[in-house]
Amino acid sequence: MMILQKSAILSLLALSNSSSEAFSPSRSNRAVTRLHSTTEEPPTITPGQVVTNLIPPSAIDSSSTANLFDTRVQKTYGRYPITFVKGEGCVLTDEDGKVYLDFVSGIATCALGHSNPALTKAVSDQMASLHHVSNLYYTPQQGQLAAWLCENSCADKVFFCNSGAESNEAAIKLARRHAHNRGITDPVIITAESSFHGRTLATVTATAQPKYHKGFTYGGEMVRGFRYSPYNDEEALKKLVEEINTTPEEDAKAGRKRGLAAIMLEPLQGEGGIRPGTPSFFQTARSLCDQSGALLMCDEVQVGMGRSGSLWGHQQLGVTPDVFTSAKALGGGVPIGAMLARGEAADVFGPGDHASTYGGNPLACAAGLAVATYLSENDVLSNVRARGEQLSEGLEKIAKKYPSVLGEVRGWGLLKGVAIRDDAGCTAAELVGDAMKQGLLLVAAGPSVVRFVPPLIVNESEIDDALKRFEAAIASRVS
């Protein structure tokens, strides 16, 4: 049971004695003169109650981070029992001083590793100058980052936001507006089975995995206007597009028109098990969009910004999208997202059609520019390709040594996955736990794939070290 400090109790009693109405639940001007913050049950605060003299964060008992999470943070994640307090390069240190080799990098986010001097300086300098003013005004950093992104891609213009989900949400809205401009009243966006596009209501609908839809439907439906097709299945995609572009007779009589708005695909499915797209599938998608007047959109949130060995994942497939999205590594760990478009797609939105208060703020864009500069001036893409080959070769050797546990090794650059056999007797998450005991941080990509996504600046010896630790984890499982 939470208790109030003595001074607060005396103050409350004095007010209560002077006026019996002062703390009546029916009044809207109730006041508490001091807040007491612990990790226990808080006092009841009714609507309209005025609070003054806040207790600062330094006065809150923070001796147990896990307890604070258990009592104060909504349980939207299943967390491992580790509290990290420091990072440098490809290494993380927990509160007990144990060191881990980080091959998660904030889930493919910390492209330059931890405490990168260039990124740290850029963010610190920008914070000391100007960090946010809103999009009512021009700021140099947003313009500069937009120019770099466009100069190094097929894009003509950029919309900035704060996350991958927001980037994809912007792409979805753009596709619908573009379709409406073509006279389509019932626009349909196709995404791939086993995809992952975010957690907002529209992007989780675009995510063609029913487990993420459970409990979020209305009348059994998610957001309307999405259809799903098997990844890398050209014939299935062709049939679905043909169906979508045919308006049902009753709808046509009512003046409605159904049509393809966009095909939205990940060049490589991340959460779906590290599955690269095939060039022929993406070329088919490009052709179908051209024939339909629709947009080909690529979700580059995880695979983009160099992780594949090229700056953008779609460059591995030889296709040019109309729209693509970015986040994660774009800010090197500082939250930022971007939706990039070319041609007529770049001019679909006008003032008021879409917006983001924080999107493209000077602080986030300074981080993005620091990442862009580092990638450009340090030949990071060559390192990604070389280390990616080294990682694949090492994982394939381990898989051959332990064929009862490990299967196919797949992926691009430094986004690699190794499949767990169905009869291995363990899940990917359990192997991740085994690796953690060896001081190696990995992350599952679905129930049966272990994912390796180290910082893009990882070196040869760190790859070798990670492989040794992973093999030790497998050996402990089969011994």
Protein backbone atom coordinates (compact mmCIF):
# COMPACT_ATOMS: atom_id res chain seq x y z
CA MET A 1 0.00 0.00 0.00
CA MET A 2 1.42 3.40 -0.97
CA ILE A 3 1.86 5.94 1.84
CA LEU A 4 2.10 9.71 1.64
CA GLN A 5 4.99 11.61 3.10
CA LYS A 6 4.37 13.22 6.48
CA SER A 7 4.31 16.77 5.06
CA ALA A 8 1.72 15.76 2.49
CA ILE A 9 -0.48 14.13 5.17
CA LEU A 10 -0.40 17.25 7.34
CA SER A 11 -1.24 19.40 4.34
CA LEU A 12 -4.16 17.19 3.40
CA LEU A 13 -5.50 17.16 6.97
CA ALA A 14 -5.29 20.94 7.22
CA LEU A 15 -7.21 21.40 4.00
CA SER A 16 -9.77 18.80 5.05
CA ASN A 17 -10.41 20.51 8.40
CA SER A 18 -10.85 23.91 6.80
CA SER A 19 -13.35 22.74 4.20
CA SER A 20 -15.26 19.49 4.10
CA GLU A 21 -15.86 20.10 0.40
CA ALA A 22 -12.20 20.40 -0.49
CA PHE A 23 -11.83 16.68 -1.25
CA SER A 24 -15.34 15.88 -2.36
CA PRO A 25 -15.25 13.54 -5.40
CA SER A 26 -17.84 15.70 -7.06
CA ARG A 27 -15.58 18.72 -7.20
CA SER A 28 -13.30 19.33 -10.19
CA ASN A 29 -10.66 21.43 -8.42
CA ARG A 30 -9.22 18.82 -6.10
CA ALA A 31 -5.56 19.31 -5.23
CA VAL A 32 -2.65 17.23 -4.01
CA THR A 33 0.30 19.32 -2.87
CA ARG A 34 2.89 16.59 -3.27
CA LEU A 35 3.18 13.41 -5.31
CA HIS A 36 4.78 10.34 -3.80
CA SER A 37 6.22 7.94 -6.36
CA THR A 38 7.18 4.37 -5.57
CA THR A 39 6.71 1.08 -7.35
CA GLU A 40 3.70 0.24 -5.16
CA GLU A 41 0.00 1.02 -5.62
CA PRO A 42 -0.55 4.75 -6.25
CA PRO A 43 -3.09 6.88 -4.36
CA THR A 44 -6.44 7.43 -6.01
CA ILE A 45 -6.51 10.57 -8.15
CA THR A 46 -9.93 11.53 -9.42
CA PRO A 47 -10.66 13.34 -12.69
CA GLY A 48 -9.97 17.05 -12.48
CA GLN A 49 -7.67 16.77 -9.48
CA VAL A 50 -4.87 19.36 -9.56
CA VAL A 51 -1.38 18.12 -8.69
CA THR A 52 1.51 20.37 -7.70
CA ASN A 53 5.03 19.97 -6.24
CA LEU A 54 5.99 16.94 -8.28
CA ILE A 55 8.50 14.50 -6.86
CA PRO A 56 11.47 14.30 -9.28
CA PRO A 57 12.58 11.04 -10.93
CA SER A 58 15.66 11.02 -8.70
CA ALA A 59 13.43 10.43 -5.69
CA ILE A 60 11.84 7.30 -7.15
CA ASP A 61 13.20 3.96 -5.95
CA SER A 62 15.02 2.62 -9.01
CA SER A 63 17.08 -0.03 -7.26
CA SER A 64 15.35 -2.74 -9.31
CA THR A 65 14.83 -1.96 -12.98
CA ALA A 66 12.96 -5.25 -13.45
CA ASN A 67 10.53 -4.32 -10.67
CA LEU A 68 9.86 -0.94 -12.27
CA PHE A 69 9.06 -2.70 -15.55
CA ASP A 70 6.83 -5.25 -13.81
CA THR A 71 4.79 -2.60 -12.05
CA ARG A 72 4.93 0.44 -14.34
CA VAL A 73 5.51 -0.68 -17.95
CA GLN A 74 2.75 -2.30 -19.98
CA LYS A 75 3.65 -5.88 -20.82
CA THR A 76 3.78 -5.67 -24.61
CA TYR A 77 7.14 -7.45 -24.74
CA GLY A 78 8.48 -10.70 -23.34
CA ARG A 79 11.83 -9.49 -22.11
CA TYR A 80 14.94 -11.50 -21.34
CA PRO A 81 16.14 -11.04 -17.72
CA ILE A 82 19.03 -8.73 -18.60
CA THR A 83 19.40 -5.01 -17.91
CA PHE A 84 21.90 -3.27 -20.17
CA VAL A 85 23.63 -0.11 -19.02
CA LYS A 86 26.45 0.47 -21.51
CA GLY A 87 27.43 -0.19 -25.08
CA GLU A 88 30.50 0.31 -27.24
CA GLY A 89 30.95 -0.89 -30.80
CA CYS A 90 29.50 -4.38 -31.04
CA VAL A 91 29.55 -4.98 -27.29
CA LEU A 92 26.92 -4.46 -24.60
CA THR A 93 27.49 -4.54 -20.82
CA ASP A 94 24.78 -5.40 -18.31
CA GLU A 95 24.25 -4.00 -14.83
CA ASP A 96 26.35 -6.81 -13.34
CA GLY A 97 29.31 -6.06 -15.60
CA LYS A 98 28.85 -9.05 -17.90
CA VAL A 99 29.83 -8.35 -21.50
CA TYR A 100 27.86 -9.59 -24.51
CA LEU A 101 28.66 -9.62 -28.21
CA ASP A 102 25.67 -7.87 -29.77
CA PHE A 103 24.38 -9.48 -32.97
CA VAL A 104 20.93 -7.98 -32.52
CA SER A 105 21.93 -4.29 -32.77
CA GLY A 106 18.59 -3.08 -31.51
CA ILE A 107 16.88 -5.37 -34.07
CA ALA A 108 18.84 -4.21 -37.10
CA THR A 109 18.86 -0.60 -35.93
CA CYS A 110 22.26 0.34 -34.46
CA ALA A 111 24.03 0.28 -37.82
CA LEU A 112 27.15 2.03 -36.49
CA GLY A 113 27.19 0.04 -33.27
CA HIS A 114 27.00 1.59 -29.83
CA SER A 115 28.55 4.90 -28.77
CA ASN A 116 29.83 5.64 -32.25
CA PRO A 117 31.87 8.87 -31.86
CA ALA A 118 30.58 10.50 -35.07
CA LEU A 119 26.93 9.80 -34.27
CA THR A 120 27.37 10.83 -30.65
CA LYS A 121 28.97 14.14 -31.64
CA ALA A 122 26.34 14.90 -34.28
CA VAL A 123 23.45 14.33 -31.87
CA SER A 124 25.13 16.19 -29.00
CA ASP A 125 26.01 19.18 -31.16
CA GLN A 126 22.52 19.35 -32.62
CA MET A 127 20.89 19.10 -29.20
CA ALA A 128 22.99 22.03 -28.07
CA SER A 129 21.80 24.05 -31.04
CA LEU A 130 18.22 23.22 -32.10
CA HIS A 131 16.38 19.96 -31.64
CA HIS A 132 12.74 20.58 -32.62
CA VAL A 133 10.55 23.34 -34.06
CA SER A 134 7.83 21.34 -35.92
CA ASN A 135 7.19 21.17 -39.65
CA LEU A 136 5.71 24.64 -39.79
CA TYR A 137 9.18 25.88 -40.68
CA TYR A 138 12.27 24.93 -42.72
CA THR A 139 15.24 23.28 -41.03
CA PRO A 140 18.55 22.63 -42.85
CA GLN A 141 19.02 19.09 -41.54
CA GLN A 142 15.75 17.76 -42.96
CA GLY A 143 16.46 19.20 -46.39
CA GLN A 144 20.00 17.85 -46.40
CA LEU A 145 18.98 14.34 -45.37
CA ALA A 146 16.17 14.28 -47.93
CA ALA A 147 18.64 15.29 -50.63
CA TRP A 148 21.12 12.56 -49.63
CA LEU A 149 18.40 9.90 -49.67
CA CYS A 150 17.20 10.96 -53.09
CA GLU A 151 20.68 11.30 -54.57
CA ASN A 152 21.41 7.73 -53.46
CA SER A 153 18.18 6.10 -54.60
CA CYS A 154 15.46 6.21 -57.24
CA ALA A 155 13.38 8.57 -55.09
CA ASP A 156 12.49 12.16 -55.94
CA LYS A 157 10.99 13.27 -52.63
CA VAL A 158 10.82 12.16 -49.00
CA PHE A 159 8.25 12.30 -46.20
CA PHE A 160 9.77 12.01 -42.72
CA CYS A 161 8.21 10.44 -39.64
CA ASN A 162 9.47 8.54 -36.60
CA SER A 163 9.29 4.76 -37.13
CA GLY A 164 8.91 1.95 -39.60
CA ALA A 165 5.21 1.53 -38.89
CA GLU A 166 4.63 5.23 -39.53
CA SER A 167 6.62 5.04 -42.75
CA ASN A 168 4.48 2.17 -43.99
CA GLU A 169 1.30 3.88 -42.81
CA ALA A 170 2.27 6.88 -44.93
CA ALA A 171 2.87 4.61 -47.92
CA ILE A 172 -0.55 3.00 -47.46
CA LYS A 173 -2.27 6.38 -47.32
CA LEU A 174 -0.37 7.55 -50.39
CA ALA A 175 -1.42 4.43 -52.32
CA ARG A 176 -5.07 4.97 -51.44
CA ARG A 177 -4.99 8.64 -52.41
CA HIS A 178 -3.23 7.78 -55.67
CA ALA A 179 -5.92 5.19 -56.45
CA HIS A 180 -8.75 7.59 -55.62
CA ASN A 181 -7.17 10.12 -57.97
CA ARG A 182 -7.57 7.45 -60.69
CA GLY A 183 -11.28 7.07 -59.94
CA ILE A 184 -11.01 3.91 -57.85
CA THR A 185 -13.54 3.97 -54.99
CA ASP A 186 -12.50 0.59 -53.54
CA PRO A 187 -8.68 0.53 -53.63
CA VAL A 188 -6.97 -2.73 -52.72
CA ILE A 189 -3.38 -3.19 -51.53
CA ILE A 190 -1.76 -6.61 -51.90
CA THR A 191 0.80 -7.76 -49.35
CA ALA A 192 2.56 -11.10 -48.97
CA GLU A 193 1.77 -13.91 -46.60
CA SER A 194 4.18 -14.05 -43.63
CA SER A 195 4.98 -10.36 -44.10
CA PHE A 196 5.48 -7.82 -41.34
CA HIS A 197 4.79 -4.11 -41.85
CA GLY A 198 4.13 -2.67 -38.38
CA ARG A 199 1.78 -2.49 -35.41
CA THR A 200 -0.60 0.35 -36.24
CA LEU A 201 -4.10 -0.79 -37.19
CA ALA A 202 -3.47 -0.37 -40.93
CA THR A 203 0.07 -1.77 -40.96
CA VAL A 204 -0.82 -4.76 -38.80
CA THR A 205 -3.65 -5.44 -41.26
CA ALA A 206 -1.07 -5.26 -44.05
CA THR A 207 0.94 -7.77 -42.02
CA ALA A 208 -0.44 -11.04 -43.40
CA GLN A 209 -0.05 -13.04 -40.22
CA PRO A 210 -3.37 -13.85 -38.47
CA LYS A 211 -1.71 -14.17 -35.06
CA TYR A 212 -1.16 -10.39 -35.05
CA HIS A 213 -4.82 -9.72 -35.89
CA LYS A 214 -6.35 -11.61 -33.00
CA GLY A 215 -8.42 -9.32 -30.77
CA PHE A 216 -8.19 -6.27 -33.05
CA THR A 217 -10.99 -6.95 -35.53
CA TYR A 218 -14.38 -5.28 -35.96
CA GLY A 219 -17.06 -7.79 -36.85
CA GLY A 220 -14.30 -10.25 -37.63
CA GLU A 221 -12.59 -7.86 -40.06
CA MET A 222 -9.42 -5.84 -39.91
CA VAL A 223 -9.02 -2.64 -41.97
CA ARG A 224 -10.69 -3.25 -45.32
CA GLY A 225 -8.85 -3.00 -48.62
CA PHE A 226 -6.04 -5.51 -48.10
CA ARG A 227 -5.54 -8.88 -49.80
CA TYR A 228 -2.76 -11.41 -49.31
CA SER A 229 -0.76 -13.54 -51.73
CA PRO A 230 2.02 -16.12 -51.18
CA TYR A 231 5.52 -14.62 -51.25
CA ASN A 232 7.52 -15.42 -54.40
CA ASP A 233 4.48 -17.04 -56.11
CA GLU A 234 4.09 -15.27 -59.44
CA GLU A 235 1.02 -17.14 -60.70
CA ALA A 236 -0.92 -16.58 -57.49
CA LEU A 237 -0.11 -12.88 -57.65
CA LYS A 238 -1.29 -12.62 -61.26
CA LYS A 239 -4.61 -14.31 -60.45
CA LEU A 240 -5.23 -12.09 -57.45
CA VAL A 241 -4.52 -8.89 -59.40
CA GLU A 242 -6.93 -10.00 -62.13
CA GLU A 243 -9.63 -10.61 -59.53
CA ILE A 244 -9.08 -7.27 -57.81
CA ASN A 245 -9.24 -5.35 -61.08
CA THR A 246 -12.69 -6.77 -61.80
CA THR A 247 -15.44 -4.83 -60.04
CA PRO A 248 -18.37 -6.98 -58.86
CA GLU A 249 -21.49 -6.27 -60.95
CA GLU A 250 -23.60 -5.04 -58.03
CA ASP A 251 -20.86 -2.63 -56.95
CA ALA A 252 -20.44 -1.34 -60.50
CA LYS A 253 -24.18 -0.63 -60.72
CA ALA A 254 -23.87 1.38 -57.52
CA GLY A 255 -21.15 3.52 -59.12
CA ARG A 256 -18.25 1.86 -57.34
CA LYS A 257 -14.99 0.74 -58.89
CA ARG A 258 -12.57 -1.75 -57.41
CA GLY A 259 -8.95 -1.76 -58.47
CA LEU A 260 -5.38 -2.43 -57.48
CA ALA A 261 -3.88 0.46 -55.53
CA ALA A 262 -0.49 -1.07 -54.77
CA ILE A 263 1.55 -4.19 -54.24
CA MET A 264 3.54 -3.77 -51.02
CA LEU A 265 6.41 -6.18 -50.44
CA GLU A 266 9.54 -6.63 -48.35
CA PRO A 267 12.56 -7.28 -50.60
CA LEU A 268 13.55 -9.79 -47.93
CA GLN A 269 11.03 -10.96 -45.35
CA GLY A 270 12.55 -10.42 -41.91
CA GLU A 271 10.00 -11.45 -39.30
CA GLY A 272 8.72 -13.99 -41.81
CA GLY A 273 11.89 -16.06 -41.49
CA ILE A 274 14.68 -14.25 -43.43
CA ARG A 275 13.31 -15.11 -46.86
CA PRO A 276 14.76 -13.14 -49.81
CA GLY A 277 12.49 -12.25 -52.67
CA THR A 278 13.24 -13.61 -56.12
CA PRO A 279 14.00 -11.24 -59.00
CA SER A 280 11.34 -12.84 -61.20
CA PHE A 281 8.63 -12.40 -58.56
CA PHE A 282 9.45 -8.74 -58.08
CA GLN A 283 9.66 -8.15 -61.81
CA THR A 284 6.22 -9.70 -62.14
CA ALA A 285 4.92 -7.41 -59.40
CA ARG A 286 6.46 -4.43 -61.23
CA SER A 287 4.79 -5.43 -64.50
CA LEU A 288 1.39 -5.97 -62.85
CA CYS A 289 1.55 -2.54 -61.21
CA ASP A 290 2.46 -0.91 -64.52
CA GLN A 291 -0.43 -2.63 -66.29
CA SER A 292 -2.86 -1.62 -63.55
CA GLY A 293 -1.65 1.94 -63.01
CA ALA A 294 -0.85 0.91 -59.42
CA LEU A 295 2.20 1.52 -57.24
CA LEU A 296 4.94 -0.97 -56.42
CA MET A 297 5.96 -0.29 -52.82
CA CYS A 298 8.93 -1.84 -51.00
CA ASP A 299 9.16 -2.05 -47.22
CA GLU A 300 12.87 -1.42 -46.60
CA VAL A 301 12.55 -0.80 -42.86
CA GLN A 302 14.80 -3.70 -41.85
CA VAL A 303 16.75 -4.58 -44.99
CA GLY A 304 17.44 -1.01 -46.13
CA MET A 305 20.25 1.44 -45.30
CA GLY A 306 23.01 -0.98 -46.25
CA ARG A 307 22.13 -4.15 -44.38
CA SER A 308 21.75 -6.21 -47.55
CA GLY A 309 25.17 -5.19 -48.90
CA SER A 310 23.60 -2.58 -51.18
CA LEU A 311 22.05 0.59 -49.81
CA TRP A 312 18.53 -0.63 -50.62
CA GLY A 313 17.24 -4.18 -50.66
CA HIS A 314 15.28 -3.74 -53.89
CA GLN A 315 18.60 -3.11 -55.64
CA GLN A 316 19.38 -6.79 -55.03
CA LEU A 317 16.35 -7.67 -57.16
CA GLY A 318 16.80 -5.40 -60.15
CA VAL A 319 13.48 -3.59 -59.77
CA THR A 320 12.59 0.06 -59.26
CA PRO A 321 9.72 0.72 -56.85
CA ASP A 322 7.46 3.75 -56.95
CA VAL A 323 7.54 4.03 -53.17
CA PHE A 324 9.79 2.57 -50.50
CA THR A 325 10.10 3.02 -46.77
CA SER A 326 12.98 3.27 -44.33
CA ALA A 327 13.53 3.49 -40.56
CA LYS A 328 15.62 1.44 -38.09
CA ALA A 329 19.23 1.98 -39.31
CA LEU A 330 18.36 5.33 -40.88
CA GLY A 331 19.05 7.07 -37.57
CA GLY A 332 21.51 4.54 -36.20
CA GLY A 333 19.27 4.06 -33.15
CA VAL A 334 17.77 7.55 -32.97
CA PRO A 335 14.06 7.26 -33.91
CA ILE A 336 13.37 8.36 -37.48
CA GLY A 337 11.38 7.02 -40.41
CA ALA A 338 11.01 7.97 -44.05
CA MET A 339 8.64 7.26 -46.92
CA LEU A 340 10.32 7.90 -50.27
CA ALA A 341 8.57 8.21 -53.63
CA ARG A 342 9.43 8.86 -57.25
CA GLY A 343 7.62 10.24 -60.27
CA GLU A 344 3.95 11.09 -59.91
CA ALA A 345 3.83 9.21 -56.59
CA ALA A 346 6.13 11.86 -55.11
CA ASP A 347 3.49 14.54 -55.70
CA VAL A 348 0.35 12.72 -54.49
CA PHE A 349 0.31 14.34 -51.05
CA GLY A 350 -0.46 18.01 -50.63
CA PRO A 351 -0.52 20.21 -47.51
CA GLY A 352 -2.78 18.67 -44.90
CA ASP A 353 -2.99 15.24 -46.53
CA HIS A 354 -0.48 13.73 -44.13
CA ALA A 355 1.74 15.05 -41.35
CA SER A 356 3.97 14.25 -38.39
CA THR A 357 4.76 16.61 -35.52
CA TYR A 358 8.18 15.12 -34.83
CA GLY A 359 8.92 13.86 -38.33
CA GLY A 360 12.20 15.15 -39.73
CA ASN A 361 13.11 17.14 -36.63
CA PRO A 362 16.66 18.54 -36.55
CA LEU A 363 17.86 16.10 -33.90
CA ALA A 364 16.72 12.97 -35.72
CA CYS A 365 17.92 14.29 -39.08
CA ALA A 366 21.32 15.15 -37.63
CA ALA A 367 21.57 11.50 -36.60
CA GLY A 368 20.48 10.43 -40.08
CA LEU A 369 23.09 12.67 -41.67
CA ALA A 370 25.77 11.25 -39.38
CA VAL A 371 24.83 7.71 -40.45
CA ALA A 372 24.74 8.80 -44.11
CA THR A 373 28.15 10.43 -43.84
CA TYR A 374 29.69 7.41 -42.11
CA LEU A 375 28.31 4.98 -44.68
CA SER A 376 29.52 7.19 -47.53
CA GLU A 377 33.02 7.92 -46.25
CA ASN A 378 33.99 4.58 -44.70
CA ASP A 379 33.03 2.08 -47.42
CA VAL A 380 30.69 0.34 -45.01
CA LEU A 381 28.85 -1.50 -47.79
CA SER A 382 32.02 -3.37 -48.71
CA ASN A 383 32.39 -4.43 -45.09
CA VAL A 384 28.77 -5.63 -45.04
CA ARG A 385 29.34 -7.81 -48.09
CA ALA A 386 32.64 -9.25 -46.83
CA ARG A 387 31.45 -9.93 -43.31
CA GLY A 388 28.18 -11.28 -44.64
CA GLU A 389 30.03 -13.87 -46.73
CA GLN A 390 32.18 -14.77 -43.74
CA LEU A 391 29.09 -15.19 -41.55
CA SER A 392 27.30 -17.37 -44.12
CA GLU A 393 30.30 -19.63 -44.60
CA GLY A 394 30.71 -20.06 -40.85
CA LEU A 395 27.02 -20.78 -40.25
CA GLU A 396 26.94 -23.32 -43.08
CA LYS A 397 29.90 -25.18 -41.52
CA ILE A 398 28.12 -25.28 -38.16
CA ALA A 399 24.88 -26.43 -39.82
CA LYS A 400 26.73 -29.31 -41.52
CA LYS A 401 28.31 -30.27 -38.19
CA TYR A 402 24.94 -30.31 -36.40
CA PRO A 403 22.45 -31.44 -39.08
CA SER A 404 19.99 -32.70 -36.47
CA VAL A 405 19.46 -29.13 -35.24
CA LEU A 406 20.25 -26.67 -38.02
CA GLY A 407 19.01 -26.40 -41.58
CA GLU A 408 19.26 -23.82 -44.34
CA VAL A 409 21.34 -20.65 -43.99
CA ARG A 410 19.81 -17.76 -45.92
CA GLY A 411 19.71 -13.99 -46.23
CA TRP A 412 21.70 -11.08 -47.63
CA GLY A 413 24.68 -9.16 -46.27
CA LEU A 414 24.41 -8.83 -42.50
CA LEU A 415 20.80 -9.95 -42.34
CA LYS A 416 21.21 -13.70 -42.03
CA GLY A 417 19.08 -16.48 -40.66
CA VAL A 418 19.64 -20.16 -39.94
CA ALA A 419 16.64 -22.45 -39.89
CA ILE A 420 15.94 -24.82 -37.00
CA ARG A 421 14.81 -28.27 -38.07
CA ASP A 422 11.27 -29.29 -37.17
CA ASP A 423 12.54 -32.31 -35.24
CA ALA A 424 15.38 -30.46 -33.51
CA GLY A 425 13.58 -30.53 -30.17
CA CYS A 426 13.98 -26.81 -29.61
CA THR A 427 12.72 -23.50 -30.91
CA ALA A 428 14.63 -20.53 -32.23
CA ALA A 429 13.86 -18.63 -29.04
CA GLU A 430 15.38 -21.42 -26.95
CA LEU A 431 18.56 -21.38 -29.05
CA VAL A 432 18.71 -17.62 -28.61
CA GLY A 433 18.63 -18.25 -24.86
CA ASP A 434 21.43 -20.80 -25.16
CA ALA A 435 23.54 -18.30 -27.11
CA MET A 436 22.90 -15.67 -24.46
CA LYS A 437 24.50 -17.96 -21.89
CA GLN A 438 27.58 -17.92 -24.14
CA GLY A 439 27.60 -14.13 -24.16
CA LEU A 440 26.12 -13.79 -27.65
CA LEU A 441 22.95 -11.83 -28.36
CA LEU A 442 20.78 -13.10 -31.21
CA VAL A 443 17.09 -12.71 -32.07
CA ALA A 444 14.50 -15.12 -33.42
CA ALA A 445 12.77 -14.50 -36.75
CA GLY A 446 9.62 -16.51 -36.20
CA PRO A 447 9.51 -19.81 -34.29
CA SER A 448 12.13 -21.66 -36.33
CA VAL A 449 14.79 -19.22 -37.55
CA VAL A 450 17.65 -17.66 -35.58
CA ARG A 451 18.55 -14.22 -36.91
CA PHE A 452 22.00 -12.59 -37.03
CA VAL A 453 21.88 -8.80 -37.46
CA PRO A 454 25.11 -7.30 -36.07
CA PRO A 455 26.09 -3.64 -36.49
CA LEU A 456 27.29 -2.93 -40.03
CA ILE A 457 30.72 -2.02 -38.68
CA VAL A 458 31.33 -5.50 -37.22
CA ASN A 459 34.86 -6.75 -37.92
CA GLU A 460 36.32 -10.10 -38.96
CA SER A 461 37.40 -11.20 -35.47
CA GLU A 462 33.97 -10.38 -34.03
CA ILE A 463 32.30 -12.55 -36.68
CA ASP A 464 34.66 -15.40 -35.77
CA ASP A 465 33.93 -14.87 -32.08
CA ALA A 466 30.18 -14.94 -32.68
CA LEU A 467 30.43 -18.17 -34.67
CA LYS A 468 32.41 -19.85 -31.89
CA ARG A 469 29.87 -18.80 -29.29
CA PHE A 470 26.96 -19.94 -31.43
CA GLU A 471 28.56 -23.32 -32.02
CA ALA A 472 29.12 -23.66 -28.27
CA ALA A 473 25.44 -22.95 -27.74
CA ILE A 474 24.45 -25.66 -30.24
CA ALA A 475 26.93 -28.12 -28.71
CA SER A 476 25.45 -27.55 -25.24
CA ARG A 477 22.01 -28.30 -26.66
CA VAL A 478 22.97 -31.64 -28.28
CA SER A 479 25.37 -32.92 -25.63
